[in-house]
Amino acid sequence: GIAARSAAWDRLAAGSAPFRRAERRFSLIW
């Protein structure tokens, strides 16, 4: 719920391939 971290999430989701892979892998595991 921290605004700075939410903004950081959005930047990583837009520009970090490792971050997006981890995001997809989390849903794939579930």
PDB file of all heavy atoms in Angstrom:
ATOM      1  N   GLY A   1       0.788  -1.227   0.000  1.00  0.00           N
ATOM      2  CA  GLY A   1       0.000   0.000   0.000  1.00  0.00           C
ATOM      3  C   GLY A   1       0.820   1.277   0.000  1.00  0.00           C
ATOM      4  O   GLY A   1       0.273   2.364   0.206  1.00  0.00           O
ATOM      5  N   ILE A   2       2.129   1.171  -0.221  1.00  0.00           N
ATOM      6  CA  ILE A   2       3.013   2.345  -0.232  1.00  0.00           C
ATOM      7  C   ILE A   2       3.068   2.914  -1.654  1.00  0.00           C
ATOM      8  O   ILE A   2       3.363   2.191  -2.609  1.00  0.00           O
ATOM      9  CB  ILE A   2       4.431   1.964   0.247  1.00  0.00           C
ATOM     10  CG1 ILE A   2       4.357   1.381   1.666  1.00  0.00           C
ATOM     11  CG2 ILE A   2       5.355   3.176   0.215  1.00  0.00           C
ATOM     12  CD1 ILE A   2       5.684   0.831   2.154  1.00  0.00           C
ATOM     13  N   ALA A   3       2.776   4.220  -1.777  1.00  0.00           N
ATOM     14  CA  ALA A   3       2.685   4.836  -3.107  1.00  0.00           C
ATOM     15  C   ALA A   3       3.984   4.707  -3.889  1.00  0.00           C
ATOM     16  O   ALA A   3       3.977   4.436  -5.095  1.00  0.00           O
ATOM     17  CB  ALA A   3       2.297   6.307  -2.956  1.00  0.00           C
ATOM     18  N   ALA A   4       5.122   4.886  -3.217  1.00  0.00           N
ATOM     19  CA  ALA A   4       6.412   4.801  -3.915  1.00  0.00           C
ATOM     20  C   ALA A   4       6.650   3.400  -4.460  1.00  0.00           C
ATOM     21  O   ALA A   4       7.191   3.235  -5.559  1.00  0.00           O
ATOM     22  CB  ALA A   4       7.544   5.185  -2.958  1.00  0.00           C
ATOM     23  N   ARG A   5       6.225   2.384  -3.704  1.00  0.00           N
ATOM     24  CA  ARG A   5       6.406   1.012  -4.179  1.00  0.00           C
ATOM     25  C   ARG A   5       5.431   0.694  -5.312  1.00  0.00           C
ATOM     26  O   ARG A   5       5.770  -0.070  -6.215  1.00  0.00           O
ATOM     27  CB  ARG A   5       6.219   0.032  -3.021  1.00  0.00           C
ATOM     28  CG  ARG A   5       7.339   0.100  -1.994  1.00  0.00           C
ATOM     29  CD  ARG A   5       7.260  -1.050  -1.020  1.00  0.00           C
ATOM     30  NE  ARG A   5       8.335  -1.010  -0.042  1.00  0.00           N
ATOM     31  CZ  ARG A   5       8.552  -1.951   0.873  1.00  0.00           C
ATOM     32  NH1 ARG A   5       7.759  -3.013   0.940  1.00  0.00           N
ATOM     33  NH2 ARG A   5       9.547  -1.834   1.728  1.00  0.00           N
ATOM     34  N   SER A   6       4.224   1.243  -5.248  1.00  0.00           N
ATOM     35  CA  SER A   6       3.270   1.028  -6.343  1.00  0.00           C
ATOM     36  C   SER A   6       3.805   1.625  -7.640  1.00  0.00           C
ATOM     37  O   SER A   6       3.695   1.019  -8.711  1.00  0.00           O
ATOM     38  CB  SER A   6       1.917   1.657  -5.985  1.00  0.00           C
ATOM     39  OG  SER A   6       1.334   1.015  -4.871  1.00  0.00           O
ATOM     40  N   ALA A   7       4.398   2.817  -7.524  1.00  0.00           N
ATOM     41  CA  ALA A   7       4.994   3.443  -8.711  1.00  0.00           C
ATOM     42  C   ALA A   7       6.184   2.623  -9.209  1.00  0.00           C
ATOM     43  O   ALA A   7       6.385   2.468 -10.420  1.00  0.00           O
ATOM     44  CB  ALA A   7       5.429   4.865  -8.379  1.00  0.00           C
ATOM     45  N   ALA A   8       6.968   2.085  -8.265  1.00  0.00           N
ATOM     46  CA  ALA A   8       8.107   1.244  -8.643  1.00  0.00           C
ATOM     47  C   ALA A   8       7.633  -0.018  -9.344  1.00  0.00           C
ATOM     48  O   ALA A   8       8.256  -0.473 -10.317  1.00  0.00           O
ATOM     49  CB  ALA A   8       8.929   0.898  -7.400  1.00  0.00           C
ATOM     50  N   TRP A   9       6.536  -0.618  -8.846  1.00  0.00           N
ATOM     51  CA  TRP A   9       5.962  -1.800  -9.505  1.00  0.00           C
ATOM     52  C   TRP A   9       5.623  -1.482 -10.955  1.00  0.00           C
ATOM     53  O   TRP A   9       5.943  -2.254 -11.864  1.00  0.00           O
ATOM     54  CB  TRP A   9       4.725  -2.256  -8.742  1.00  0.00           C
ATOM     55  CG  TRP A   9       3.960  -3.356  -9.419  1.00  0.00           C
ATOM     56  CD1 TRP A   9       3.240  -3.275 -10.585  1.00  0.00           C
ATOM     57  CD2 TRP A   9       3.844  -4.717  -8.989  1.00  0.00           C
ATOM     58  NE1 TRP A   9       2.681  -4.486 -10.908  1.00  0.00           N
ATOM     59  CE2 TRP A   9       3.044  -5.390  -9.949  1.00  0.00           C
ATOM     60  CE3 TRP A   9       4.330  -5.430  -7.893  1.00  0.00           C
ATOM     61  CZ2 TRP A   9       2.703  -6.735  -9.829  1.00  0.00           C
ATOM     62  CZ3 TRP A   9       3.996  -6.773  -7.779  1.00  0.00           C
ATOM     63  CH2 TRP A   9       3.200  -7.420  -8.736  1.00  0.00           C
ATOM     64  N   ASP A  10       4.946  -0.347 -11.173  1.00  0.00           N
ATOM     65  CA  ASP A  10       4.520   0.016 -12.526  1.00  0.00           C
ATOM     66  C   ASP A  10       5.725   0.211 -13.449  1.00  0.00           C
ATOM     67  O   ASP A  10       5.688  -0.196 -14.619  1.00  0.00           O
ATOM     68  CB  ASP A  10       3.675   1.296 -12.478  1.00  0.00           C
ATOM     69  CG  ASP A  10       2.352   1.085 -11.754  1.00  0.00           C
ATOM     70  OD1 ASP A  10       1.895  -0.073 -11.684  1.00  0.00           O
ATOM     71  OD2 ASP A  10       1.791   2.077 -11.249  1.00  0.00           O
ATOM     72  N   ARG A  11       6.787   0.823 -12.924  1.00  0.00           N
ATOM     73  CA  ARG A  11       7.981   1.022 -13.760  1.00  0.00           C
ATOM     74  C   ARG A  11       8.638  -0.314 -14.097  1.00  0.00           C
ATOM     75  O   ARG A  11       9.058  -0.539 -15.242  1.00  0.00           O
ATOM     76  CB  ARG A  11       8.977   1.928 -13.032  1.00  0.00           C
ATOM     77  CG  ARG A  11       8.538   3.381 -12.917  1.00  0.00           C
ATOM     78  CD  ARG A  11       9.691   4.272 -12.482  1.00  0.00           C
ATOM     79  NE  ARG A  11      10.213   3.896 -11.167  1.00  0.00           N
ATOM     80  CZ  ARG A  11       9.744   4.363 -10.016  1.00  0.00           C
ATOM     81  NH1 ARG A  11       8.720   5.223 -10.007  1.00  0.00           N
ATOM     82  NH2 ARG A  11      10.276   3.991  -8.860  1.00  0.00           N
ATOM     83  N   LEU A  12       8.722  -1.211 -13.120  1.00  0.00           N
ATOM     84  CA  LEU A  12       9.334  -2.516 -13.371  1.00  0.00           C
ATOM     85  C   LEU A  12       8.476  -3.347 -14.321  1.00  0.00           C
ATOM     86  O   LEU A  12       9.006  -4.055 -15.188  1.00  0.00           O
ATOM     87  CB  LEU A  12       9.515  -3.257 -12.044  1.00  0.00           C
ATOM     88  CG  LEU A  12      10.611  -2.712 -11.117  1.00  0.00           C
ATOM     89  CD1 LEU A  12      10.498  -3.350  -9.740  1.00  0.00           C
ATOM     90  CD2 LEU A  12      11.986  -2.959 -11.718  1.00  0.00           C
ATOM     91  N   ALA A  13       7.160  -3.286 -14.151  1.00  0.00           N
ATOM     92  CA  ALA A  13       6.268  -4.044 -15.027  1.00  0.00           C
ATOM     93  C   ALA A  13       6.376  -3.573 -16.471  1.00  0.00           C
ATOM     94  O   ALA A  13       6.167  -4.349 -17.413  1.00  0.00           O
ATOM     95  CB  ALA A  13       4.823  -3.921 -14.537  1.00  0.00           C
ATOM     96  N   ALA A  14       6.722  -2.297 -16.644  1.00  0.00           N
ATOM     97  CA  ALA A  14       6.831  -1.750 -18.000  1.00  0.00           C
ATOM     98  C   ALA A  14       8.204  -1.959 -18.609  1.00  0.00           C
ATOM     99  O   ALA A  14       8.323  -2.095 -19.836  1.00  0.00           O
ATOM    100  CB  ALA A  14       6.504  -0.254 -17.980  1.00  0.00           C
ATOM    101  N   GLY A  15       9.264  -2.033 -17.764  1.00  0.00           N
ATOM    102  CA  GLY A  15      10.591  -2.052 -18.336  1.00  0.00           C
ATOM    103  C   GLY A  15      11.534  -3.149 -17.889  1.00  0.00           C
ATOM    104  O   GLY A  15      12.684  -3.179 -18.347  1.00  0.00           O
ATOM    105  N   SER A  16      11.104  -4.059 -17.012  1.00  0.00           N
ATOM    106  CA  SER A  16      12.006  -5.098 -16.510  1.00  0.00           C
ATOM    107  C   SER A  16      11.515  -6.476 -16.939  1.00  0.00           C
ATOM    108  O   SER A  16      10.469  -6.949 -16.481  1.00  0.00           O
ATOM    109  CB  SER A  16      12.098  -5.024 -14.980  1.00  0.00           C
ATOM    110  OG  SER A  16      12.831  -6.122 -14.477  1.00  0.00           O
ATOM    111  N   ALA A  17      12.293  -7.140 -17.789  1.00  0.00           N
ATOM    112  CA  ALA A  17      11.934  -8.486 -18.235  1.00  0.00           C
ATOM    113  C   ALA A  17      11.974  -9.502 -17.095  1.00  0.00           C
ATOM    114  O   ALA A  17      11.059 -10.331 -16.979  1.00  0.00           O
ATOM    115  CB  ALA A  17      12.845  -8.925 -19.372  1.00  0.00           C
ATOM    116  N   PRO A  18      12.986  -9.501 -16.203  1.00  0.00           N
ATOM    117  CA  PRO A  18      12.990 -10.445 -15.077  1.00  0.00           C
ATOM    118  C   PRO A  18      11.775 -10.266 -14.172  1.00  0.00           C
ATOM    119  O   PRO A  18      11.232 -11.255 -13.661  1.00  0.00           O
ATOM    120  CB  PRO A  18      14.291 -10.112 -14.343  1.00  0.00           C
ATOM    121  CG  PRO A  18      15.170  -9.512 -15.377  1.00  0.00           C
ATOM    122  CD  PRO A  18      14.255  -8.746 -16.269  1.00  0.00           C
ATOM    123  N   PHE A  19      11.358  -9.032 -13.961  1.00  0.00           N
ATOM    124  CA  PHE A  19      10.196  -8.774 -13.120  1.00  0.00           C
ATOM    125  C   PHE A  19       8.934  -9.343 -13.747  1.00  0.00           C
ATOM    126  O   PHE A  19       8.122  -9.983 -13.080  1.00  0.00           O
ATOM    127  CB  PHE A  19      10.037  -7.263 -12.911  1.00  0.00           C
ATOM    128  CG  PHE A  19       8.951  -6.888 -11.942  1.00  0.00           C
ATOM    129  CD1 PHE A  19       9.197  -6.847 -10.579  1.00  0.00           C
ATOM    130  CD2 PHE A  19       7.670  -6.569 -12.393  1.00  0.00           C
ATOM    131  CE1 PHE A  19       8.200  -6.496  -9.673  1.00  0.00           C
ATOM    132  CE2 PHE A  19       6.670  -6.220 -11.506  1.00  0.00           C
ATOM    133  CZ  PHE A  19       6.935  -6.185 -10.144  1.00  0.00           C
ATOM    134  N   ARG A  20       8.767  -9.136 -15.052  1.00  0.00           N
ATOM    135  CA  ARG A  20       7.583  -9.659 -15.740  1.00  0.00           C
ATOM    136  C   ARG A  20       7.589 -11.186 -15.758  1.00  0.00           C
ATOM    137  O   ARG A  20       6.524 -11.811 -15.650  1.00  0.00           O
ATOM    138  CB  ARG A  20       7.510  -9.106 -17.162  1.00  0.00           C
ATOM    139  CG  ARG A  20       7.184  -7.615 -17.239  1.00  0.00           C
ATOM    140  CD  ARG A  20       6.760  -7.221 -18.646  1.00  0.00           C
ATOM    141  NE  ARG A  20       7.829  -7.468 -19.606  1.00  0.00           N
ATOM    142  CZ  ARG A  20       8.746  -6.565 -19.932  1.00  0.00           C
ATOM    143  NH1 ARG A  20       8.736  -5.366 -19.363  1.00  0.00           N
ATOM    144  NH2 ARG A  20       9.672  -6.843 -20.835  1.00  0.00           N
ATOM    145  N   ARG A  21       8.771 -11.795 -15.899  1.00  0.00           N
ATOM    146  CA  ARG A  21       8.841 -13.258 -15.868  1.00  0.00           C
ATOM    147  C   ARG A  21       8.410 -13.796 -14.507  1.00  0.00           C
ATOM    148  O   ARG A  21       7.686 -14.792 -14.422  1.00  0.00           O
ATOM    149  CB  ARG A  21      10.267 -13.723 -16.196  1.00  0.00           C
ATOM    150  CG  ARG A  21      10.618 -13.658 -17.668  1.00  0.00           C
ATOM    151  CD  ARG A  21      11.850 -14.506 -17.973  1.00  0.00           C
ATOM    152  NE  ARG A  21      13.032 -14.015 -17.259  1.00  0.00           N
ATOM    153  CZ  ARG A  21      13.869 -13.110 -17.755  1.00  0.00           C
ATOM    154  NH1 ARG A  21      13.668 -12.595 -18.954  1.00  0.00           N
ATOM    155  NH2 ARG A  21      14.927 -12.742 -17.060  1.00  0.00           N
ATOM    156  N   ALA A  22       8.850 -13.148 -13.441  1.00  0.00           N
ATOM    157  CA  ALA A  22       8.451 -13.575 -12.099  1.00  0.00           C
ATOM    158  C   ALA A  22       6.955 -13.406 -11.888  1.00  0.00           C
ATOM    159  O   ALA A  22       6.299 -14.246 -11.261  1.00  0.00           O
ATOM    160  CB  ALA A  22       9.235 -12.776 -11.053  1.00  0.00           C
ATOM    161  N   GLU A  23       6.402 -12.335 -12.431  1.00  0.00           N
ATOM    162  CA  GLU A  23       4.964 -12.089 -12.316  1.00  0.00           C
ATOM    163  C   GLU A  23       4.171 -13.189 -13.014  1.00  0.00           C
ATOM    164  O   GLU A  23       3.181 -13.715 -12.473  1.00  0.00           O
ATOM    165  CB  GLU A  23       4.634 -10.723 -12.924  1.00  0.00           C
ATOM    166  CG  GLU A  23       3.163 -10.344 -12.840  1.00  0.00           C
ATOM    167  CD  GLU A  23       2.854  -9.055 -13.577  1.00  0.00           C
ATOM    168  OE1 GLU A  23       3.774  -8.522 -14.265  1.00  0.00           O
ATOM    169  OE2 GLU A  23       1.726  -8.579 -13.485  1.00  0.00           O
ATOM    170  N   ARG A  24       4.594 -13.560 -14.217  1.00  0.00           N
ATOM    171  CA  ARG A  24       3.912 -14.613 -14.959  1.00  0.00           C
ATOM    172  C   ARG A  24       4.094 -15.974 -14.281  1.00  0.00           C
ATOM    173  O   ARG A  24       3.159 -16.777 -14.219  1.00  0.00           O
ATOM    174  CB  ARG A  24       4.423 -14.667 -16.401  1.00  0.00           C
ATOM    175  CG  ARG A  24       4.065 -13.453 -17.243  1.00  0.00           C
ATOM    176  CD  ARG A  24       4.319 -13.721 -18.719  1.00  0.00           C
ATOM    177  NE  ARG A  24       5.723 -14.001 -18.985  1.00  0.00           N
ATOM    178  CZ  ARG A  24       6.622 -13.078 -19.308  1.00  0.00           C
ATOM    179  NH1 ARG A  24       6.265 -11.814 -19.393  1.00  0.00           N
ATOM    180  NH2 ARG A  24       7.877 -13.410 -19.552  1.00  0.00           N
ATOM    181  N   ARG A  25       5.301 -16.218 -13.778  1.00  0.00           N
ATOM    182  CA  ARG A  25       5.584 -17.497 -13.129  1.00  0.00           C
ATOM    183  C   ARG A  25       4.732 -17.687 -11.880  1.00  0.00           C
ATOM    184  O   ARG A  25       4.303 -18.803 -11.576  1.00  0.00           O
ATOM    185  CB  ARG A  25       7.072 -17.585 -12.783  1.00  0.00           C
ATOM    186  CG  ARG A  25       7.512 -18.945 -12.272  1.00  0.00           C
ATOM    187  CD  ARG A  25       9.021 -19.084 -12.282  1.00  0.00           C
ATOM    188  NE  ARG A  25       9.664 -18.116 -11.410  1.00  0.00           N
ATOM    189  CZ  ARG A  25      10.437 -17.113 -11.827  1.00  0.00           C
ATOM    190  NH1 ARG A  25      10.646 -16.941 -13.132  1.00  0.00           N
ATOM    191  NH2 ARG A  25      10.998 -16.286 -10.978  1.00  0.00           N
ATOM    192  N   PHE A  26       4.465 -16.617 -11.160  1.00  0.00           N
ATOM    193  CA  PHE A  26       3.638 -16.701  -9.948  1.00  0.00           C
ATOM    194  C   PHE A  26       2.241 -17.219 -10.287  1.00  0.00           C
ATOM    195  O   PHE A  26       1.727 -18.130  -9.636  1.00  0.00           O
ATOM    196  CB  PHE A  26       3.545 -15.320  -9.291  1.00  0.00           C
ATOM    197  CG  PHE A  26       2.801 -15.306  -7.992  1.00  0.00           C
ATOM    198  CD1 PHE A  26       3.417 -15.688  -6.817  1.00  0.00           C
ATOM    199  CD2 PHE A  26       1.471 -14.910  -7.945  1.00  0.00           C
ATOM    200  CE1 PHE A  26       2.736 -15.683  -5.610  1.00  0.00           C
ATOM    201  CE2 PHE A  26       0.781 -14.892  -6.746  1.00  0.00           C
ATOM    202  CZ  PHE A  26       1.412 -15.281  -5.576  1.00  0.00           C
ATOM    203  N   SER A  27       1.625 -16.647 -11.314  1.00  0.00           N
ATOM    204  CA  SER A  27       0.289 -17.105 -11.723  1.00  0.00           C
ATOM    205  C   SER A  27       0.335 -18.523 -12.271  1.00  0.00           C
ATOM    206  O   SER A  27      -0.576 -19.325 -12.035  1.00  0.00           O
ATOM    207  CB  SER A  27      -0.297 -16.159 -12.782  1.00  0.00           C
ATOM    208  OG  SER A  27      -0.716 -14.938 -12.197  1.00  0.00           O
ATOM    209  N   LEU A  28       1.409 -18.854 -13.003  1.00  0.00           N
ATOM    210  CA  LEU A  28       1.533 -20.195 -13.570  1.00  0.00           C
ATOM    211  C   LEU A  28       1.633 -21.246 -12.461  1.00  0.00           C
ATOM    212  O   LEU A  28       1.057 -22.338 -12.571  1.00  0.00           O
ATOM    213  CB  LEU A  28       2.764 -20.262 -14.476  1.00  0.00           C
ATOM    214  CG  LEU A  28       2.869 -21.475 -15.400  1.00  0.00           C
ATOM    215  CD1 LEU A  28       1.675 -21.529 -16.337  1.00  0.00           C
ATOM    216  CD2 LEU A  28       4.166 -21.414 -16.196  1.00  0.00           C
ATOM    217  N   ILE A  29       2.334 -20.928 -11.394  1.00  0.00           N
ATOM    218  CA  ILE A  29       2.450 -21.856 -10.262  1.00  0.00           C
ATOM    219  C   ILE A  29       1.083 -22.093  -9.640  1.00  0.00           C
ATOM    220  O   ILE A  29       0.685 -23.243  -9.380  1.00  0.00           O
ATOM    221  CB  ILE A  29       3.431 -21.296  -9.220  1.00  0.00           C
ATOM    222  CG1 ILE A  29       4.869 -21.373  -9.749  1.00  0.00           C
ATOM    223  CG2 ILE A  29       3.317 -22.059  -7.899  1.00  0.00           C
ATOM    224  CD1 ILE A  29       5.883 -20.650  -8.891  1.00  0.00           C
ATOM    225  N   TRP A  30       0.337 -21.028  -9.413  1.00  0.00           N
ATOM    226  CA  TRP A  30      -0.990 -21.174  -8.802  1.00  0.00           C
ATOM    227  C   TRP A  30      -1.937 -21.971  -9.700  1.00  0.00           C
ATOM    228  O   TRP A  30      -2.664 -22.839  -9.243  1.00  0.00           O
ATOM    229  CB  TRP A  30      -1.577 -19.795  -8.501  1.00  0.00           C
ATOM    230  CG  TRP A  30      -1.179 -19.273  -7.160  1.00  0.00           C
ATOM    231  CD1 TRP A  30      -0.101 -18.508  -6.856  1.00  0.00           C
ATOM    232  CD2 TRP A  30      -1.868 -19.499  -5.926  1.00  0.00           C
ATOM    233  NE1 TRP A  30      -0.064 -18.238  -5.516  1.00  0.00           N
ATOM    234  CE2 TRP A  30      -1.132 -18.829  -4.917  1.00  0.00           C
ATOM    235  CE3 TRP A  30      -3.016 -20.194  -5.574  1.00  0.00           C
ATOM    236  CZ2 TRP A  30      -1.515 -18.841  -3.572  1.00  0.00           C
ATOM    237  CZ3 TRP A  30      -3.411 -20.200  -4.236  1.00  0.00           C
ATOM    238  CH2 TRP A  30      -2.661 -19.538  -3.256  1.00  0.00           C
TER     239      TRP A  30
END
